[in-house]
């Protein structure tokens, strides 16, 4: 099993999207490979010179998921009510193999 980081970008106005949040959360909760998921909180976006940028959307989320393949991830997340409803403006899926930190050092956290 590999670990995948899935980044969702949402519209600026999430009012309508939040009406189907219960279905979205139920969908996520039913995924056996789900490791962690959540919407980002307000923060600071900077470019390398340390200057703030408004190029990144304010509303986004990170989902960490364990699966056999990239295809398995996209097949699963194609069924997300947010995706089906058109509320995910951009979805980035990448295999993620973090080599450092206590989370990966503890074998009980291993998805495989």
N, C-alpha and C. Protein backbone atom coordinates (compact mmCIF):
# COMPACT_ATOMS: atom_id res chain seq x y z
N UNK A 1 0.84 -1.18 0.00
CA UNK A 1 0.00 0.00 0.00
C UNK A 1 0.88 1.24 0.00
N UNK A 2 0.48 2.21 -0.75
CA UNK A 2 1.19 3.48 -0.80
C UNK A 2 0.32 4.55 -0.14
N UNK A 3 0.97 5.65 0.23
CA UNK A 3 0.26 6.78 0.82
C UNK A 3 0.14 7.86 -0.26
N UNK A 4 -1.04 8.47 -0.33
CA UNK A 4 -1.30 9.53 -1.30
C UNK A 4 -1.78 10.78 -0.57
N UNK A 5 -1.30 11.92 -1.02
CA UNK A 5 -1.78 13.21 -0.55
C UNK A 5 -2.72 13.74 -1.63
N UNK A 6 -3.92 14.08 -1.22
CA UNK A 6 -4.93 14.59 -2.14
C UNK A 6 -5.27 16.00 -1.70
N UNK A 7 -5.06 16.94 -2.59
CA UNK A 7 -5.34 18.35 -2.29
C UNK A 7 -6.56 18.77 -3.09
N UNK A 8 -7.57 19.26 -2.38
CA UNK A 8 -8.79 19.79 -3.00
C UNK A 8 -8.75 21.31 -2.93
N UNK A 9 -9.15 21.96 -3.99
CA UNK A 9 -9.36 23.41 -3.99
C UNK A 9 -10.85 23.65 -4.19
N UNK A 10 -11.42 24.47 -3.32
CA UNK A 10 -12.85 24.76 -3.33
C UNK A 10 -13.13 26.18 -3.82
N UNK A 11 -14.40 26.48 -4.15
CA UNK A 11 -14.77 27.85 -4.54
C UNK A 11 -14.58 28.83 -3.38
N UNK A 12 -14.52 30.10 -3.72
CA UNK A 12 -14.39 31.13 -2.69
C UNK A 12 -15.60 31.14 -1.75
N UNK A 13 -16.78 30.95 -2.31
CA UNK A 13 -18.00 30.91 -1.51
C UNK A 13 -18.40 29.44 -1.35
N UNK A 14 -18.28 28.93 -0.14
CA UNK A 14 -18.56 27.51 0.11
C UNK A 14 -19.95 27.30 0.71
N UNK A 15 -20.77 28.33 0.74
CA UNK A 15 -22.09 28.24 1.37
C UNK A 15 -22.90 27.09 0.79
N UNK A 16 -23.02 27.04 -0.52
CA UNK A 16 -23.81 25.98 -1.16
C UNK A 16 -23.15 24.62 -0.97
N UNK A 17 -21.83 24.57 -1.06
CA UNK A 17 -21.09 23.32 -0.90
C UNK A 17 -21.34 22.70 0.47
N UNK A 18 -21.45 23.53 1.49
CA UNK A 18 -21.62 23.01 2.84
C UNK A 18 -22.97 22.33 3.05
N UNK A 19 -23.91 22.53 2.14
CA UNK A 19 -25.20 21.85 2.27
C UNK A 19 -25.05 20.34 2.06
N UNK A 20 -24.01 19.91 1.34
CA UNK A 20 -23.80 18.46 1.15
C UNK A 20 -22.62 17.95 1.98
N UNK A 21 -22.15 18.76 2.90
CA UNK A 21 -21.03 18.34 3.76
C UNK A 21 -21.31 17.02 4.49
N UNK A 22 -22.53 16.80 5.02
CA UNK A 22 -22.77 15.50 5.68
C UNK A 22 -22.53 14.31 4.75
N UNK A 23 -22.96 14.41 3.50
CA UNK A 23 -22.73 13.32 2.54
C UNK A 23 -21.24 13.15 2.24
N UNK A 24 -20.54 14.28 2.11
CA UNK A 24 -19.09 14.25 1.88
C UNK A 24 -18.38 13.56 3.04
N UNK A 25 -18.73 13.94 4.25
CA UNK A 25 -18.07 13.34 5.43
C UNK A 25 -18.43 11.87 5.58
N UNK A 26 -19.65 11.51 5.27
CA UNK A 26 -20.05 10.11 5.33
C UNK A 26 -19.24 9.30 4.30
N UNK A 27 -19.09 9.87 3.10
CA UNK A 27 -18.28 9.23 2.07
C UNK A 27 -16.85 9.00 2.57
N UNK A 28 -16.22 10.06 3.10
CA UNK A 28 -14.84 9.94 3.58
C UNK A 28 -14.73 8.92 4.71
N UNK A 29 -15.68 8.96 5.63
CA UNK A 29 -15.65 8.04 6.78
C UNK A 29 -15.78 6.59 6.36
N UNK A 30 -16.40 6.35 5.22
CA UNK A 30 -16.57 4.99 4.73
C UNK A 30 -15.38 4.44 3.96
N UNK A 31 -14.36 5.27 3.73
CA UNK A 31 -13.18 4.81 2.99
C UNK A 31 -12.21 4.09 3.92
N UNK A 32 -11.92 2.83 3.64
CA UNK A 32 -11.03 2.07 4.52
C UNK A 32 -9.60 2.58 4.50
N UNK A 33 -9.20 3.25 3.43
CA UNK A 33 -7.82 3.75 3.34
C UNK A 33 -7.62 5.15 3.88
N UNK A 34 -8.67 5.78 4.41
CA UNK A 34 -8.54 7.15 4.90
C UNK A 34 -7.63 7.21 6.12
N UNK A 35 -6.62 8.06 6.06
CA UNK A 35 -5.72 8.25 7.19
C UNK A 35 -6.03 9.53 7.94
N UNK A 36 -6.29 10.60 7.21
CA UNK A 36 -6.64 11.89 7.83
C UNK A 36 -7.21 12.79 6.74
N UNK A 37 -8.12 13.68 7.13
CA UNK A 37 -8.72 14.61 6.16
C UNK A 37 -9.21 15.85 6.87
N UNK A 38 -9.11 16.97 6.20
CA UNK A 38 -9.65 18.19 6.77
C UNK A 38 -9.38 19.41 5.92
N UNK A 39 -10.25 20.39 6.08
CA UNK A 39 -10.11 21.65 5.39
C UNK A 39 -9.04 22.48 6.09
N UNK A 40 -8.25 23.20 5.30
CA UNK A 40 -7.25 24.08 5.87
C UNK A 40 -7.93 25.23 6.62
N UNK A 41 -7.30 25.69 7.66
CA UNK A 41 -7.74 26.87 8.39
C UNK A 41 -7.02 28.09 7.83
N UNK A 42 -7.49 29.30 8.16
CA UNK A 42 -6.79 30.49 7.65
C UNK A 42 -5.31 30.46 8.02
N UNK A 43 -4.48 30.90 7.11
CA UNK A 43 -3.04 30.86 7.33
C UNK A 43 -2.33 31.92 6.53
N UNK A 44 -1.09 31.66 6.26
CA UNK A 44 -0.24 32.59 5.54
C UNK A 44 0.31 31.90 4.31
N UNK A 45 0.07 32.45 3.14
CA UNK A 45 0.65 31.94 1.91
C UNK A 45 1.73 32.91 1.48
N UNK A 46 2.92 32.40 1.27
CA UNK A 46 4.05 33.25 0.89
C UNK A 46 4.77 32.66 -0.31
N UNK A 47 5.39 33.52 -1.08
CA UNK A 47 6.30 33.08 -2.12
C UNK A 47 7.69 33.03 -1.51
N UNK A 48 8.67 32.53 -2.24
CA UNK A 48 9.99 32.29 -1.66
C UNK A 48 10.67 33.54 -1.11
N UNK A 49 10.28 34.70 -1.59
CA UNK A 49 10.88 35.94 -1.08
C UNK A 49 10.23 36.37 0.23
N UNK A 50 9.27 35.60 0.74
CA UNK A 50 8.61 35.93 1.99
C UNK A 50 7.46 36.91 1.84
N UNK A 51 7.08 37.20 0.60
CA UNK A 51 5.97 38.12 0.37
C UNK A 51 4.66 37.33 0.31
N UNK A 52 3.62 37.85 0.96
CA UNK A 52 2.31 37.17 0.86
C UNK A 52 1.83 37.14 -0.59
N UNK A 53 1.04 36.12 -0.89
CA UNK A 53 0.49 35.99 -2.23
C UNK A 53 -1.00 35.69 -2.12
N UNK A 54 -1.76 36.14 -3.07
CA UNK A 54 -3.18 35.80 -3.10
C UNK A 54 -3.47 34.88 -4.28
N UNK A 55 -2.45 34.24 -4.80
CA UNK A 55 -2.61 33.35 -5.95
C UNK A 55 -3.25 32.02 -5.57
N UNK A 56 -3.11 31.62 -4.33
CA UNK A 56 -3.69 30.36 -3.88
C UNK A 56 -5.09 30.61 -3.35
N UNK A 57 -6.04 29.76 -3.69
CA UNK A 57 -7.39 29.91 -3.16
C UNK A 57 -7.41 29.79 -1.64
N UNK A 58 -8.32 30.50 -1.03
CA UNK A 58 -8.41 30.48 0.44
C UNK A 58 -9.01 29.17 0.95
N UNK A 59 -9.86 28.55 0.17
CA UNK A 59 -10.56 27.34 0.62
C UNK A 59 -9.97 26.11 -0.04
N UNK A 60 -9.40 25.26 0.78
CA UNK A 60 -8.80 24.04 0.27
C UNK A 60 -8.74 23.01 1.40
N UNK A 61 -8.43 21.78 1.03
CA UNK A 61 -8.35 20.70 2.01
C UNK A 61 -7.25 19.73 1.64
N UNK A 62 -6.81 18.98 2.64
CA UNK A 62 -5.82 17.93 2.45
C UNK A 62 -6.41 16.62 2.96
N UNK A 63 -6.28 15.59 2.14
CA UNK A 63 -6.71 14.25 2.51
C UNK A 63 -5.50 13.34 2.33
N UNK A 64 -5.22 12.53 3.33
CA UNK A 64 -4.13 11.55 3.24
C UNK A 64 -4.78 10.18 3.24
N UNK A 65 -4.43 9.39 2.22
CA UNK A 65 -5.16 8.16 1.92
C UNK A 65 -4.18 7.06 1.53
N UNK A 66 -4.49 5.87 1.93
CA UNK A 66 -3.66 4.71 1.61
C UNK A 66 -4.39 3.86 0.56
N UNK A 67 -3.66 3.52 -0.51
CA UNK A 67 -4.28 2.74 -1.59
C UNK A 67 -3.21 1.96 -2.35
N UNK A 68 -3.67 1.05 -3.18
CA UNK A 68 -2.78 0.21 -3.98
C UNK A 68 -2.16 0.97 -5.15
N UNK A 69 -2.89 1.98 -5.68
CA UNK A 69 -2.40 2.66 -6.88
C UNK A 69 -3.06 4.03 -7.02
N UNK A 70 -2.49 4.84 -7.89
CA UNK A 70 -3.07 6.14 -8.22
C UNK A 70 -4.47 5.95 -8.82
N UNK A 71 -4.62 4.94 -9.66
CA UNK A 71 -5.92 4.67 -10.27
C UNK A 71 -6.97 4.33 -9.20
N UNK A 72 -6.57 3.58 -8.19
CA UNK A 72 -7.51 3.24 -7.11
C UNK A 72 -7.94 4.50 -6.36
N UNK A 73 -7.02 5.43 -6.19
CA UNK A 73 -7.35 6.69 -5.52
C UNK A 73 -8.35 7.49 -6.34
N UNK A 74 -8.04 7.69 -7.61
CA UNK A 74 -8.94 8.50 -8.43
C UNK A 74 -10.29 7.81 -8.62
N UNK A 75 -10.31 6.49 -8.75
CA UNK A 75 -11.59 5.78 -8.85
C UNK A 75 -12.43 6.01 -7.60
N UNK A 76 -11.80 5.92 -6.43
CA UNK A 76 -12.52 6.13 -5.18
C UNK A 76 -13.02 7.56 -5.05
N UNK A 77 -12.14 8.52 -5.29
CA UNK A 77 -12.49 9.92 -5.06
C UNK A 77 -13.34 10.52 -6.17
N UNK A 78 -13.49 9.82 -7.28
CA UNK A 78 -14.46 10.24 -8.28
C UNK A 78 -15.89 10.11 -7.74
N UNK A 79 -16.06 9.36 -6.66
CA UNK A 79 -17.38 9.16 -6.06
C UNK A 79 -17.68 10.15 -4.92
N UNK A 80 -16.74 11.01 -4.60
CA UNK A 80 -16.93 11.99 -3.52
C UNK A 80 -18.07 12.95 -3.91
N UNK A 81 -19.05 13.14 -3.03
CA UNK A 81 -20.14 14.08 -3.34
C UNK A 81 -19.66 15.49 -3.68
N UNK A 82 -18.58 15.95 -3.09
CA UNK A 82 -18.04 17.27 -3.46
C UNK A 82 -17.55 17.27 -4.90
N UNK A 83 -16.90 16.19 -5.31
CA UNK A 83 -16.41 16.08 -6.69
C UNK A 83 -17.59 15.97 -7.66
N UNK A 84 -18.53 15.10 -7.35
CA UNK A 84 -19.70 14.90 -8.20
C UNK A 84 -20.53 16.17 -8.31
N UNK A 85 -20.56 16.98 -7.25
CA UNK A 85 -21.33 18.21 -7.26
C UNK A 85 -20.63 19.38 -7.91
N UNK A 86 -19.38 19.19 -8.32
CA UNK A 86 -18.63 20.26 -8.97
C UNK A 86 -18.02 21.26 -8.01
N UNK A 87 -17.92 20.91 -6.73
CA UNK A 87 -17.37 21.83 -5.73
C UNK A 87 -15.85 21.75 -5.60
N UNK A 88 -15.26 20.72 -6.17
CA UNK A 88 -13.80 20.62 -6.17
C UNK A 88 -13.33 21.25 -7.48
N UNK A 89 -12.75 22.44 -7.37
CA UNK A 89 -12.30 23.15 -8.56
C UNK A 89 -11.01 22.55 -9.11
N UNK A 90 -10.21 22.01 -8.22
CA UNK A 90 -8.94 21.38 -8.62
C UNK A 90 -8.65 20.26 -7.64
N UNK A 91 -8.21 19.13 -8.19
CA UNK A 91 -7.83 17.99 -7.36
C UNK A 91 -6.42 17.58 -7.77
N UNK A 92 -5.52 17.59 -6.82
CA UNK A 92 -4.15 17.15 -7.06
C UNK A 92 -3.93 15.89 -6.22
N UNK A 93 -3.52 14.82 -6.89
CA UNK A 93 -3.25 13.55 -6.21
C UNK A 93 -1.80 13.20 -6.46
N UNK A 94 -1.07 12.99 -5.37
CA UNK A 94 0.35 12.62 -5.50
C UNK A 94 0.69 11.53 -4.50
N UNK A 95 1.51 10.58 -4.96
CA UNK A 95 2.02 9.60 -4.01
C UNK A 95 2.94 10.34 -3.06
N UNK A 96 2.88 9.96 -1.80
CA UNK A 96 3.62 10.69 -0.76
C UNK A 96 4.29 9.68 0.15
N UNK A 97 5.59 9.69 0.16
CA UNK A 97 6.37 8.77 0.97
C UNK A 97 7.24 9.56 1.95
N UNK A 98 6.65 10.09 3.02
CA UNK A 98 7.42 10.92 3.95
C UNK A 98 8.50 10.09 4.66
N UNK A 99 9.77 10.53 4.57
CA UNK A 99 10.84 9.75 5.18
C UNK A 99 11.16 10.14 6.62
N UNK A 100 10.67 11.27 7.10
CA UNK A 100 11.07 11.78 8.41
C UNK A 100 9.87 12.08 9.29
N UNK A 101 10.12 12.09 10.58
CA UNK A 101 9.12 12.51 11.56
C UNK A 101 8.61 11.35 12.40
N UNK A 102 8.08 11.69 13.56
CA UNK A 102 7.62 10.64 14.48
C UNK A 102 6.45 9.82 13.94
N UNK A 103 5.63 10.44 13.08
CA UNK A 103 4.49 9.71 12.53
C UNK A 103 4.96 8.52 11.70
N UNK A 104 6.00 8.72 10.87
CA UNK A 104 6.47 7.62 10.03
C UNK A 104 7.44 6.71 10.77
N UNK A 105 8.04 7.21 11.85
CA UNK A 105 8.98 6.40 12.61
C UNK A 105 8.25 5.36 13.45
N UNK A 106 6.99 5.60 13.77
CA UNK A 106 6.19 4.69 14.60
C UNK A 106 5.52 3.66 13.68
N UNK A 107 5.93 2.39 13.74
CA UNK A 107 5.38 1.39 12.82
C UNK A 107 3.87 1.18 12.99
N UNK A 108 3.29 1.57 14.08
CA UNK A 108 1.84 1.42 14.25
C UNK A 108 1.07 2.39 13.37
N UNK A 109 1.76 3.41 12.83
CA UNK A 109 1.12 4.35 11.93
C UNK A 109 1.21 3.93 10.47
N UNK A 110 1.90 2.85 10.20
CA UNK A 110 2.09 2.42 8.82
C UNK A 110 0.79 1.94 8.21
N UNK A 111 0.45 2.44 7.00
CA UNK A 111 -0.76 1.99 6.35
C UNK A 111 -0.64 0.59 5.76
N UNK A 112 0.58 0.13 5.57
CA UNK A 112 0.78 -1.18 4.93
C UNK A 112 1.21 -2.15 5.93
